[in-house]
Amino acid sequence: MDVRKDLNVLVGANIKREREKAGFTQDQFSELLGIGSKSLSSIERGVVGVSLATLLRVCDILHISANVLLYEQTRENDVDNILLQLRRLRAEQFEIASDVMTNLFKAFSLEK
């Protein structure tokens, strides 16, 4: 395989992994990206490369750095993953999660 094909396969697999982590189907995600689901499938399989414009939209929608897709850099720890999940919540969902976490931290501090 040549370098370009290897890069297409790597980036496509990383997009698929991050899309699935976010809980999007191909149809849902392709609609958000403004591309067809067949185009997204081809990108994820590495059959075609992703345009820079689409790459930026992927990063924006998934709230991730392009480094995660280009260099396969994984998140340093679970805190980053939790932060990512919190960023994806709607305002009312975030308030509920915040209340739960505040109470959880209070309970942990009582255990000492």
PDB file of N, CA and C in Angstrom:
ATOM      1  N   MET A   1       0.837  -1.192   0.000  1.00  0.00           N
ATOM      2  CA  MET A   1       0.000   0.000   0.000  1.00  0.00           C
ATOM      3  C   MET A   1       0.874   1.244   0.000  1.00  0.00           C
ATOM      4  N   ASP A   2       0.387   2.277  -0.634  1.00  0.00           N
ATOM      5  CA  ASP A   2       1.149   3.514  -0.606  1.00  0.00           C
ATOM      6  C   ASP A   2       0.768   4.357   0.601  1.00  0.00           C
ATOM      7  N   VAL A   3       1.539   5.395   0.840  1.00  0.00           N
ATOM      8  CA  VAL A   3       1.362   6.235   2.024  1.00  0.00           C
ATOM      9  C   VAL A   3      -0.018   6.885   2.048  1.00  0.00           C
ATOM     10  N   ARG A   4      -0.487   7.356   0.907  1.00  0.00           N
ATOM     11  CA  ARG A   4      -1.792   8.020   0.845  1.00  0.00           C
ATOM     12  C   ARG A   4      -2.909   7.051   1.223  1.00  0.00           C
ATOM     13  N   LYS A   5      -2.848   5.835   0.693  1.00  0.00           N
ATOM     14  CA  LYS A   5      -3.872   4.834   1.012  1.00  0.00           C
ATOM     15  C   LYS A   5      -3.832   4.479   2.495  1.00  0.00           C
ATOM     16  N   ASP A   6      -2.607   4.315   3.046  1.00  0.00           N
ATOM     17  CA  ASP A   6      -2.467   4.026   4.473  1.00  0.00           C
ATOM     18  C   ASP A   6      -3.086   5.134   5.318  1.00  0.00           C
ATOM     19  N   LEU A   7      -2.856   6.380   4.907  1.00  0.00           N
ATOM     20  CA  LEU A   7      -3.408   7.517   5.651  1.00  0.00           C
ATOM     21  C   LEU A   7      -4.931   7.537   5.552  1.00  0.00           C
ATOM     22  N   ASN A   8      -5.467   7.261   4.362  1.00  0.00           N
ATOM     23  CA  ASN A   8      -6.925   7.220   4.196  1.00  0.00           C
ATOM     24  C   ASN A   8      -7.550   6.161   5.099  1.00  0.00           C
ATOM     25  N   VAL A   9      -6.912   4.996   5.168  1.00  0.00           N
ATOM     26  CA  VAL A   9      -7.428   3.904   6.004  1.00  0.00           C
ATOM     27  C   VAL A   9      -7.356   4.285   7.476  1.00  0.00           C
ATOM     28  N   LEU A  10      -6.235   4.867   7.908  1.00  0.00           N
ATOM     29  CA  LEU A  10      -6.067   5.276   9.304  1.00  0.00           C
ATOM     30  C   LEU A  10      -7.090   6.336   9.702  1.00  0.00           C
ATOM     31  N   VAL A  11      -7.175   7.393   8.915  1.00  0.00           N
ATOM     32  CA  VAL A  11      -8.100   8.485   9.242  1.00  0.00           C
ATOM     33  C   VAL A  11      -9.543   7.988   9.190  1.00  0.00           C
ATOM     34  N   GLY A  12      -9.879   7.195   8.191  1.00  0.00           N
ATOM     35  CA  GLY A  12     -11.237   6.662   8.086  1.00  0.00           C
ATOM     36  C   GLY A  12     -11.613   5.808   9.279  1.00  0.00           C
ATOM     37  N   ALA A  13     -10.694   4.946   9.710  1.00  0.00           N
ATOM     38  CA  ALA A  13     -10.960   4.089  10.874  1.00  0.00           C
ATOM     39  C   ALA A  13     -11.112   4.933  12.138  1.00  0.00           C
ATOM     40  N   ASN A  14     -10.310   5.984  12.242  1.00  0.00           N
ATOM     41  CA  ASN A  14     -10.405   6.857  13.414  1.00  0.00           C
ATOM     42  C   ASN A  14     -11.714   7.638  13.431  1.00  0.00           C
ATOM     43  N   ILE A  15     -12.162   8.079  12.265  1.00  0.00           N
ATOM     44  CA  ILE A  15     -13.458   8.761  12.179  1.00  0.00           C
ATOM     45  C   ILE A  15     -14.569   7.804  12.611  1.00  0.00           C
ATOM     46  N   LYS A  16     -14.514   6.582  12.113  1.00  0.00           N
ATOM     47  CA  LYS A  16     -15.535   5.597  12.477  1.00  0.00           C
ATOM     48  C   LYS A  16     -15.530   5.349  13.984  1.00  0.00           C
ATOM     49  N   ARG A  17     -14.347   5.165  14.558  1.00  0.00           N
ATOM     50  CA  ARG A  17     -14.236   4.905  16.000  1.00  0.00           C
ATOM     51  C   ARG A  17     -14.844   6.059  16.806  1.00  0.00           C
ATOM     52  N   GLU A  18     -14.501   7.283  16.445  1.00  0.00           N
ATOM     53  CA  GLU A  18     -14.999   8.451  17.184  1.00  0.00           C
ATOM     54  C   GLU A  18     -16.489   8.663  16.956  1.00  0.00           C
ATOM     55  N   ARG A  19     -16.965   8.387  15.749  1.00  0.00           N
ATOM     56  CA  ARG A  19     -18.404   8.497  15.469  1.00  0.00           C
ATOM     57  C   ARG A  19     -19.177   7.517  16.332  1.00  0.00           C
ATOM     58  N   GLU A  20     -18.686   6.289  16.398  1.00  0.00           N
ATOM     59  CA  GLU A  20     -19.356   5.270  17.199  1.00  0.00           C
ATOM     60  C   GLU A  20     -19.304   5.606  18.680  1.00  0.00           C
ATOM     61  N   LYS A  21     -18.182   6.141  19.156  1.00  0.00           N
ATOM     62  CA  LYS A  21     -18.081   6.569  20.559  1.00  0.00           C
ATOM     63  C   LYS A  21     -19.127   7.623  20.879  1.00  0.00           C
ATOM     64  N   ALA A  22     -19.386   8.477  19.896  1.00  0.00           N
ATOM     65  CA  ALA A  22     -20.365   9.547  20.095  1.00  0.00           C
ATOM     66  C   ALA A  22     -21.799   9.050  19.978  1.00  0.00           C
ATOM     67  N   GLY A  23     -21.970   7.812  19.511  1.00  0.00           N
ATOM     68  CA  GLY A  23     -23.311   7.235  19.427  1.00  0.00           C
ATOM     69  C   GLY A  23     -24.079   7.573  18.167  1.00  0.00           C
ATOM     70  N   PHE A  24     -23.379   8.017  17.131  1.00  0.00           N
ATOM     71  CA  PHE A  24     -24.043   8.342  15.869  1.00  0.00           C
ATOM     72  C   PHE A  24     -24.028   7.145  14.924  1.00  0.00           C
ATOM     73  N   THR A  25     -25.140   6.942  14.224  1.00  0.00           N
ATOM     74  CA  THR A  25     -25.143   5.999  13.119  1.00  0.00           C
ATOM     75  C   THR A  25     -24.495   6.690  11.921  1.00  0.00           C
ATOM     76  N   GLN A  26     -24.172   5.911  10.902  1.00  0.00           N
ATOM     77  CA  GLN A  26     -23.621   6.526   9.689  1.00  0.00           C
ATOM     78  C   GLN A  26     -24.621   7.495   9.076  1.00  0.00           C
ATOM     79  N   ASP A  27     -25.884   7.117   9.065  1.00  0.00           N
ATOM     80  CA  ASP A  27     -26.909   7.987   8.481  1.00  0.00           C
ATOM     81  C   ASP A  27     -27.013   9.310   9.243  1.00  0.00           C
ATOM     82  N   GLN A  28     -27.056   9.228  10.561  1.00  0.00           N
ATOM     83  CA  GLN A  28     -27.152  10.443  11.372  1.00  0.00           C
ATOM     84  C   GLN A  28     -25.942  11.342  11.159  1.00  0.00           C
ATOM     85  N   PHE A  29     -24.766  10.726  11.196  1.00  0.00           N
ATOM     86  CA  PHE A  29     -23.537  11.499  11.111  1.00  0.00           C
ATOM     87  C   PHE A  29     -23.349  12.095   9.718  1.00  0.00           C
ATOM     88  N   SER A  30     -23.676  11.334   8.693  1.00  0.00           N
ATOM     89  CA  SER A  30     -23.524  11.863   7.335  1.00  0.00           C
ATOM     90  C   SER A  30     -24.467  13.044   7.114  1.00  0.00           C
ATOM     91  N   GLU A  31     -25.634  12.978   7.709  1.00  0.00           N
ATOM     92  CA  GLU A  31     -26.569  14.107   7.596  1.00  0.00           C
ATOM     93  C   GLU A  31     -25.997  15.348   8.274  1.00  0.00           C
ATOM     94  N   LEU A  32     -25.417  15.179   9.464  1.00  0.00           N
ATOM     95  CA  LEU A  32     -24.796  16.310  10.159  1.00  0.00           C
ATOM     96  C   LEU A  32     -23.637  16.891   9.351  1.00  0.00           C
ATOM     97  N   LEU A  33     -22.907  16.010   8.671  1.00  0.00           N
ATOM     98  CA  LEU A  33     -21.761  16.446   7.875  1.00  0.00           C
ATOM     99  C   LEU A  33     -22.177  17.078   6.552  1.00  0.00           C
ATOM    100  N   GLY A  34     -23.382  16.774   6.112  1.00  0.00           N
ATOM    101  CA  GLY A  34     -23.845  17.288   4.821  1.00  0.00           C
ATOM    102  C   GLY A  34     -23.303  16.485   3.650  1.00  0.00           C
ATOM    103  N   ILE A  35     -23.041  15.190   3.894  1.00  0.00           N
ATOM    104  CA  ILE A  35     -22.595  14.305   2.822  1.00  0.00           C
ATOM    105  C   ILE A  35     -23.494  13.069   2.825  1.00  0.00           C
ATOM    106  N   GLY A  36     -23.441  12.298   1.762  1.00  0.00           N
ATOM    107  CA  GLY A  36     -24.238  11.082   1.685  1.00  0.00           C
ATOM    108  C   GLY A  36     -23.674   9.986   2.573  1.00  0.00           C
ATOM    109  N   SER A  37     -24.529   9.077   2.987  1.00  0.00           N
ATOM    110  CA  SER A  37     -24.066   7.987   3.846  1.00  0.00           C
ATOM    111  C   SER A  37     -23.095   7.071   3.109  1.00  0.00           C
ATOM    112  N   LYS A  38     -23.245   6.931   1.796  1.00  0.00           N
ATOM    113  CA  LYS A  38     -22.291   6.132   1.017  1.00  0.00           C
ATOM    114  C   LYS A  38     -20.924   6.810   0.987  1.00  0.00           C
ATOM    115  N   SER A  39     -20.912   8.129   0.919  1.00  0.00           N
ATOM    116  CA  SER A  39     -19.635   8.858   0.952  1.00  0.00           C
ATOM    117  C   SER A  39     -18.954   8.666   2.301  1.00  0.00           C
ATOM    118  N   LEU A  40     -19.731   8.749   3.379  1.00  0.00           N
ATOM    119  CA  LEU A  40     -19.166   8.542   4.709  1.00  0.00           C
ATOM    120  C   LEU A  40     -18.624   7.126   4.839  1.00  0.00           C
ATOM    121  N   SER A  41     -19.350   6.158   4.328  1.00  0.00           N
ATOM    122  CA  SER A  41     -18.900   4.771   4.375  1.00  0.00           C
ATOM    123  C   SER A  41     -17.568   4.611   3.645  1.00  0.00           C
ATOM    124  N   SER A  42     -17.452   5.239   2.483  1.00  0.00           N
ATOM    125  CA  SER A  42     -16.205   5.162   1.711  1.00  0.00           C
ATOM    126  C   SER A  42     -15.048   5.814   2.458  1.00  0.00           C
ATOM    127  N   ILE A  43     -15.327   6.916   3.147  1.00  0.00           N
ATOM    128  CA  ILE A  43     -14.288   7.588   3.945  1.00  0.00           C
ATOM    129  C   ILE A  43     -13.860   6.687   5.087  1.00  0.00           C
ATOM    130  N   GLU A  44     -14.827   6.144   5.815  1.00  0.00           N
ATOM    131  CA  GLU A  44     -14.512   5.316   6.981  1.00  0.00           C
ATOM    132  C   GLU A  44     -13.755   4.042   6.598  1.00  0.00           C
ATOM    133  N   ARG A  45     -13.992   3.522   5.412  1.00  0.00           N
ATOM    134  CA  ARG A  45     -13.283   2.326   4.961  1.00  0.00           C
ATOM    135  C   ARG A  45     -11.939   2.660   4.337  1.00  0.00           C
ATOM    136  N   GLY A  46     -11.666   3.948   4.143  1.00  0.00           N
ATOM    137  CA  GLY A  46     -10.396   4.354   3.555  1.00  0.00           C
ATOM    138  C   GLY A  46     -10.348   4.228   2.052  1.00  0.00           C
ATOM    139  N   VAL A  47     -11.505   4.020   1.424  1.00  0.00           N
ATOM    140  CA  VAL A  47     -11.578   3.905  -0.027  1.00  0.00           C
ATOM    141  C   VAL A  47     -11.258   5.251  -0.670  1.00  0.00           C
ATOM    142  N   VAL A  48     -11.741   6.318  -0.036  1.00  0.00           N
ATOM    143  CA  VAL A  48     -11.444   7.683  -0.489  1.00  0.00           C
ATOM    144  C   VAL A  48     -10.925   8.479   0.695  1.00  0.00           C
ATOM    145  N   GLY A  49     -10.205   9.534   0.384  1.00  0.00           N
ATOM    146  CA  GLY A  49      -9.723  10.424   1.432  1.00  0.00           C
ATOM    147  C   GLY A  49     -10.794  11.418   1.828  1.00  0.00           C
ATOM    148  N   VAL A  50     -10.632  11.992   2.996  1.00  0.00           N
ATOM    149  CA  VAL A  50     -11.574  12.985   3.496  1.00  0.00           C
ATOM    150  C   VAL A  50     -11.052  14.367   3.129  1.00  0.00           C
ATOM    151  N   SER A  51     -11.947  15.242   2.680  1.00  0.00           N
ATOM    152  CA  SER A  51     -11.533  16.611   2.362  1.00  0.00           C
ATOM    153  C   SER A  51     -11.244  17.363   3.652  1.00  0.00           C
ATOM    154  N   LEU A  52     -10.471  18.427   3.542  1.00  0.00           N
ATOM    155  CA  LEU A  52     -10.173  19.229   4.728  1.00  0.00           C
ATOM    156  C   LEU A  52     -11.442  19.838   5.314  1.00  0.00           C
ATOM    157  N   ALA A  53     -12.350  20.273   4.455  1.00  0.00           N
ATOM    158  CA  ALA A  53     -13.601  20.861   4.944  1.00  0.00           C
ATOM    159  C   ALA A  53     -14.411  19.839   5.737  1.00  0.00           C
ATOM    160  N   THR A  54     -14.486  18.618   5.235  1.00  0.00           N
ATOM    161  CA  THR A  54     -15.224  17.570   5.939  1.00  0.00           C
ATOM    162  C   THR A  54     -14.506  17.180   7.223  1.00  0.00           C
ATOM    163  N   LEU A  55     -13.184  17.110   7.177  1.00  0.00           N
ATOM    164  CA  LEU A  55     -12.405  16.799   8.374  1.00  0.00           C
ATOM    165  C   LEU A  55     -12.679  17.819   9.481  1.00  0.00           C
ATOM    166  N   LEU A  56     -12.725  19.085   9.119  1.00  0.00           N
ATOM    167  CA  LEU A  56     -13.017  20.135  10.108  1.00  0.00           C
ATOM    168  C   LEU A  56     -14.423  19.983  10.672  1.00  0.00           C
ATOM    169  N   ARG A  57     -15.396  19.639   9.824  1.00  0.00           N
ATOM    170  CA  ARG A  57     -16.773  19.439  10.303  1.00  0.00           C
ATOM    171  C   ARG A  57     -16.842  18.235  11.246  1.00  0.00           C
ATOM    172  N   VAL A  58     -16.112  17.165  10.915  1.00  0.00           N
ATOM    173  CA  VAL A  58     -16.068  15.986  11.795  1.00  0.00           C
ATOM    174  C   VAL A  58     -15.564  16.396  13.170  1.00  0.00           C
ATOM    175  N   CYS A  59     -14.454  17.129  13.196  1.00  0.00           N
ATOM    176  CA  CYS A  59     -13.872  17.557  14.475  1.00  0.00           C
ATOM    177  C   CYS A  59     -14.826  18.462  15.248  1.00  0.00           C
ATOM    178  N   ASP A  60     -15.496  19.351  14.541  1.00  0.00           N
ATOM    179  CA  ASP A  60     -16.421  20.270  15.193  1.00  0.00           C
ATOM    180  C   ASP A  60     -17.622  19.522  15.776  1.00  0.00           C
ATOM    181  N   ILE A  61     -18.201  18.626  15.025  1.00  0.00           N
ATOM    182  CA  ILE A  61     -19.377  17.880  15.474  1.00  0.00           C
ATOM    183  C   ILE A  61     -19.034  16.972  16.654  1.00  0.00           C
ATOM    184  N   LEU A  62     -17.871  16.320  16.581  1.00  0.00           N
ATOM    185  CA  LEU A  62     -17.485  15.373  17.624  1.00  0.00           C
ATOM    186  C   LEU A  62     -16.717  16.022  18.771  1.00  0.00           C
ATOM    187  N   HIS A  63     -16.417  17.314  18.638  1.00  0.00           N
ATOM    188  CA  HIS A  63     -15.669  18.037  19.670  1.00  0.00           C
ATOM    189  C   HIS A  63     -14.331  17.359  19.965  1.00  0.00           C
ATOM    190  N   ILE A  64     -13.602  17.083  18.897  1.00  0.00           N
ATOM    191  CA  ILE A  64     -12.296  16.460  19.044  1.00  0.00           C
ATOM    192  C   ILE A  64     -11.265  17.229  18.245  1.00  0.00           C
ATOM    193  N   SER A  65     -10.021  17.018  18.569  1.00  0.00           N
ATOM    194  CA  SER A  65      -8.918  17.606  17.831  1.00  0.00           C
ATOM    195  C   SER A  65      -8.654  16.783  16.580  1.00  0.00           C
ATOM    196  N   ALA A  66      -8.169  17.431  15.548  1.00  0.00           N
ATOM    197  CA  ALA A  66      -7.785  16.709  14.336  1.00  0.00           C
ATOM    198  C   ALA A  66      -6.662  15.721  14.628  1.00  0.00           C
ATOM    199  N   ASN A  67      -5.883  15.981  15.658  1.00  0.00           N
ATOM    200  CA  ASN A  67      -4.804  15.056  16.031  1.00  0.00           C
ATOM    201  C   ASN A  67      -5.346  13.671  16.349  1.00  0.00           C
ATOM    202  N   VAL A  68      -6.523  13.604  16.941  1.00  0.00           N
ATOM    203  CA  VAL A  68      -7.131  12.317  17.276  1.00  0.00           C
ATOM    204  C   VAL A  68      -7.377  11.516  16.002  1.00  0.00           C
ATOM    205  N   LEU A  69      -7.714  12.208  14.922  1.00  0.00           N
ATOM    206  CA  LEU A  69      -8.010  11.528  13.660  1.00  0.00           C
ATOM    207  C   LEU A  69      -6.770  11.310  12.809  1.00  0.00           C
ATOM    208  N   LEU A  70      -5.869  12.273  12.811  1.00  0.00           N
ATOM    209  CA  LEU A  70      -4.706  12.200  11.928  1.00  0.00           C
ATOM    210  C   LEU A  70      -3.553  11.384  12.500  1.00  0.00           C
ATOM    211  N   TYR A  71      -3.361  11.482  13.793  1.00  0.00           N
ATOM    212  CA  TYR A  71      -2.202  10.844  14.407  1.00  0.00           C
ATOM    213  C   TYR A  71      -2.585   9.712  15.348  1.00  0.00           C
ATOM    214  N   GLU A  72      -3.863   9.413  15.390  1.00  0.00           N
ATOM    215  CA  GLU A  72      -4.379   8.343  16.237  1.00  0.00           C
ATOM    216  C   GLU A  72      -3.977   8.552  17.694  1.00  0.00           C
ATOM    217  N   GLN A  73      -3.946   9.813  18.104  1.00  0.00           N
ATOM    218  CA  GLN A  73      -3.656  10.100  19.502  1.00  0.00           C
ATOM    219  C   GLN A  73      -4.908   9.833  20.305  1.00  0.00           C
ATOM    220  N   THR A  74      -4.776   8.970  21.263  1.00  0.00           N
ATOM    221  CA  THR A  74      -5.922   8.668  22.104  1.00  0.00           C
ATOM    222  C   THR A  74      -5.952   9.650  23.261  1.00  0.00           C
ATOM    223  N   ARG A  75      -7.066   9.727  23.886  1.00  0.00           N
ATOM    224  CA  ARG A  75      -7.195  10.630  25.016  1.00  0.00           C
ATOM    225  C   ARG A  75      -6.290  10.167  26.143  1.00  0.00           C
ATOM    226  N   GLU A  76      -5.733  11.126  26.856  1.00  0.00           N
ATOM    227  CA  GLU A  76      -4.780  10.831  27.914  1.00  0.00           C
ATOM    228  C   GLU A  76      -5.380   9.973  29.019  1.00  0.00           C
ATOM    229  N   ASN A  77      -6.610  10.247  29.377  1.00  0.00           N
ATOM    230  CA  ASN A  77      -7.235   9.485  30.461  1.00  0.00           C
ATOM    231  C   ASN A  77      -8.749   9.616  30.350  1.00  0.00           C
ATOM    232  N   ASP A  78      -9.428   9.007  31.254  1.00  0.00           N
ATOM    233  CA  ASP A  78     -10.887   9.017  31.194  1.00  0.00           C
ATOM    234  C   ASP A  78     -11.489  10.385  31.477  1.00  0.00           C
ATOM    235  N   VAL A  79     -10.739  11.277  32.117  1.00  0.00           N
ATOM    236  CA  VAL A  79     -11.246  12.620  32.369  1.00  0.00           C
ATOM    237  C   VAL A  79     -11.553  13.310  31.045  1.00  0.00           C
ATOM    238  N   ASP A  80     -10.675  13.147  30.074  1.00  0.00           N
ATOM    239  CA  ASP A  80     -10.912  13.747  28.764  1.00  0.00           C
ATOM    240  C   ASP A  80     -12.172  13.172  28.120  1.00  0.00           C
ATOM    241  N   ASN A  81     -12.382  11.884  28.282  1.00  0.00           N
ATOM    242  CA  ASN A  81     -13.567  11.241  27.715  1.00  0.00           C
ATOM    243  C   ASN A  81     -14.828  11.747  28.409  1.00  0.00           C
ATOM    244  N   ILE A  82     -14.771  11.904  29.718  1.00  0.00           N
ATOM    245  CA  ILE A  82     -15.925  12.429  30.462  1.00  0.00           C
ATOM    246  C   ILE A  82     -16.223  13.858  30.025  1.00  0.00           C
ATOM    247  N   LEU A  83     -15.178  14.654  29.867  1.00  0.00           N
ATOM    248  CA  LEU A  83     -15.356  16.030  29.412  1.00  0.00           C
ATOM    249  C   LEU A  83     -16.016  16.058  28.032  1.00  0.00           C
ATOM    250  N   LEU A  84     -15.575  15.197  27.159  1.00  0.00           N
ATOM    251  CA  LEU A  84     -16.159  15.108  25.826  1.00  0.00           C
ATOM    252  C   LEU A  84     -17.645  14.778  25.906  1.00  0.00           C
ATOM    253  N   GLN A  85     -17.997  13.814  26.753  1.00  0.00           N
ATOM    254  CA  GLN A  85     -19.401  13.435  26.903  1.00  0.00           C
ATOM    255  C   GLN A  85     -20.228  14.592  27.467  1.00  0.00           C
ATOM    256  N   LEU A  86     -19.680  15.313  28.432  1.00  0.00           N
ATOM    257  CA  LEU A  86     -20.390  16.450  29.016  1.00  0.00           C
ATOM    258  C   LEU A  86     -20.629  17.545  27.982  1.00  0.00           C
ATOM    259  N   ARG A  87     -19.665  17.768  27.108  1.00  0.00           N
ATOM    260  CA  ARG A  87     -19.803  18.795  26.067  1.00  0.00           C
ATOM    261  C   ARG A  87     -20.917  18.472  25.085  1.00  0.00           C
ATOM    262  N   ARG A  88     -21.245  17.213  24.958  1.00  0.00           N
ATOM    263  CA  ARG A  88     -22.268  16.790  23.998  1.00  0.00           C
ATOM    264  C   ARG A  88     -23.683  16.915  24.551  1.00  0.00           C
ATOM    265  N   LEU A  89     -23.816  17.194  25.829  1.00  0.00           N
ATOM    266  CA  LEU A  89     -25.134  17.266  26.449  1.00  0.00           C
ATOM    267  C   LEU A  89     -25.833  18.579  26.130  1.00  0.00           C
ATOM    268  N   ARG A  90     -27.149  18.512  26.057  1.00  0.00           N
ATOM    269  CA  ARG A  90     -27.953  19.732  25.965  1.00  0.00           C
ATOM    270  C   ARG A  90     -27.908  20.420  27.331  1.00  0.00           C
ATOM    271  N   ALA A  91     -28.274  21.659  27.398  1.00  0.00           N
ATOM    272  CA  ALA A  91     -28.170  22.454  28.634  1.00  0.00           C
ATOM    273  C   ALA A  91     -28.888  21.792  29.809  1.00  0.00           C
ATOM    274  N   GLU A  92     -30.103  21.314  29.580  1.00  0.00           N
ATOM    275  CA  GLU A  92     -30.856  20.710  30.683  1.00  0.00           C
ATOM    276  C   GLU A  92     -30.228  19.386  31.128  1.00  0.00           C
ATOM    277  N   GLN A  93     -29.671  18.639  30.179  1.00  0.00           N
ATOM    278  CA  GLN A  93     -28.977  17.399  30.528  1.00  0.00           C
ATOM    279  C   GLN A  93     -27.697  17.697  31.323  1.00  0.00           C
ATOM    280  N   PHE A  94     -27.010  18.750  30.912  1.00  0.00           N
ATOM    281  CA  PHE A  94     -25.780  19.131  31.608  1.00  0.00           C
ATOM    282  C   PHE A  94     -26.071  19.501  33.063  1.00  0.00           C
ATOM    283  N   GLU A  95     -27.165  20.211  33.288  1.00  0.00           N
ATOM    284  CA  GLU A  95     -27.539  20.598  34.662  1.00  0.00           C
ATOM    285  C   GLU A  95     -27.772  19.364  35.531  1.00  0.00           C
ATOM    286  N   ILE A  96     -28.441  18.379  34.982  1.00  0.00           N
ATOM    287  CA  ILE A  96     -28.691  17.138  35.726  1.00  0.00           C
ATOM    288  C   ILE A  96     -27.374  16.437  36.030  1.00  0.00           C
ATOM    289  N   ALA A  97     -26.510  16.317  35.031  1.00  0.00           N
ATOM    290  CA  ALA A  97     -25.210  15.663  35.229  1.00  0.00           C
ATOM    291  C   ALA A  97     -24.380  16.421  36.257  1.00  0.00           C
ATOM    292  N   SER A  98     -24.421  17.724  36.205  1.00  0.00           N
ATOM    293  CA  SER A  98     -23.672  18.549  37.155  1.00  0.00           C
ATOM    294  C   SER A  98     -24.167  18.325  38.584  1.00  0.00           C
ATOM    295  N   ASP A  99     -25.479  18.277  38.759  1.00  0.00           N
ATOM    296  CA  ASP A  99     -26.052  18.021  40.091  1.00  0.00           C
ATOM    297  C   ASP A  99     -25.638  16.641  40.608  1.00  0.00           C
ATOM    298  N   VAL A 100     -25.696  15.651  39.738  1.00  0.00           N
ATOM    299  CA  VAL A 100     -25.321  14.289  40.131  1.00  0.00           C
ATOM    300  C   VAL A 100     -23.854  14.258  40.550  1.00  0.00           C
ATOM    301  N   MET A 101     -23.003  14.865  39.763  1.00  0.00           N
ATOM    302  CA  MET A 101     -21.569  14.847  40.079  1.00  0.00           C
ATOM    303  C   MET A 101     -21.272  15.626  41.361  1.00  0.00           C
ATOM    304  N   THR A 102     -21.935  16.747  41.554  1.00  0.00           N
ATOM    305  CA  THR A 102     -21.738  17.517  42.783  1.00  0.00           C
ATOM    306  C   THR A 102     -22.110  16.682  43.996  1.00  0.00           C
ATOM    307  N   ASN A 103     -23.240  16.014  43.935  1.00  0.00           N
ATOM    308  CA  ASN A 103     -23.660  15.150  45.047  1.00  0.00           C
ATOM    309  C   ASN A 103     -22.718  13.967  45.235  1.00  0.00           C
ATOM    310  N   LEU A 104     -22.228  13.437  44.152  1.00  0.00           N
ATOM    311  CA  LEU A 104     -21.275  12.333  44.230  1.00  0.00           C
ATOM    312  C   LEU A 104     -19.989  12.772  44.918  1.00  0.00           C
ATOM    313  N   PHE A 105     -19.478  13.929  44.529  1.00  0.00           N
ATOM    314  CA  PHE A 105     -18.254  14.438  45.153  1.00  0.00           C
ATOM    315  C   PHE A 105     -18.476  14.740  46.636  1.00  0.00           C
ATOM    316  N   LYS A 106     -19.647  15.247  46.977  1.00  0.00           N
ATOM    317  CA  LYS A 106     -19.968  15.481  48.389  1.00  0.00           C
ATOM    318  C   LYS A 106     -19.968  14.159  49.150  1.00  0.00           C
ATOM    319  N   ALA A 107     -20.557  13.132  48.561  1.00  0.00           N
ATOM    320  CA  ALA A 107     -20.596  11.812  49.217  1.00  0.00           C
ATOM    321  C   ALA A 107     -19.193  11.254  49.388  1.00  0.00           C
ATOM    322  N   PHE A 108     -18.340  11.437  48.412  1.00  0.00           N
ATOM    323  CA  PHE A 108     -16.958  10.965  48.516  1.00  0.00           C
ATOM    324  C   PHE A 108     -16.228  11.685  49.630  1.00  0.00           C
ATOM    325  N   SER A 109     -16.477  12.969  49.782  1.00  0.00           N
ATOM    326  CA  SER A 109     -15.776  13.725  50.830  1.00  0.00           C
ATOM    327  C   SER A 109     -16.242  13.323  52.213  1.00  0.00           C
ATOM    328  N   LEU A 110     -17.459  12.805  52.345  1.00  0.00           N
ATOM    329  CA  LEU A 110     -17.975  12.355  53.647  1.00  0.00           C
ATOM    330  C   LEU A 110     -17.364  11.019  54.065  1.00  0.00           C
ATOM    331  N   GLU A 111     -16.827  10.272  53.108  1.00  0.00           N
ATOM    332  CA  GLU A 111     -16.265   8.960  53.402  1.00  0.00           C
ATOM    333  C   GLU A 111     -14.947   9.021  54.181  1.00  0.00           C
ATOM    334  N   LYS A 112     -14.288  10.151  54.146  1.00  0.00           N
ATOM    335  CA  LYS A 112     -12.969  10.260  54.795  1.00  0.00           C
ATOM    336  C   LYS A 112     -13.010  10.049  56.228  1.00  0.00           C
TER     337      LYS A 112
END
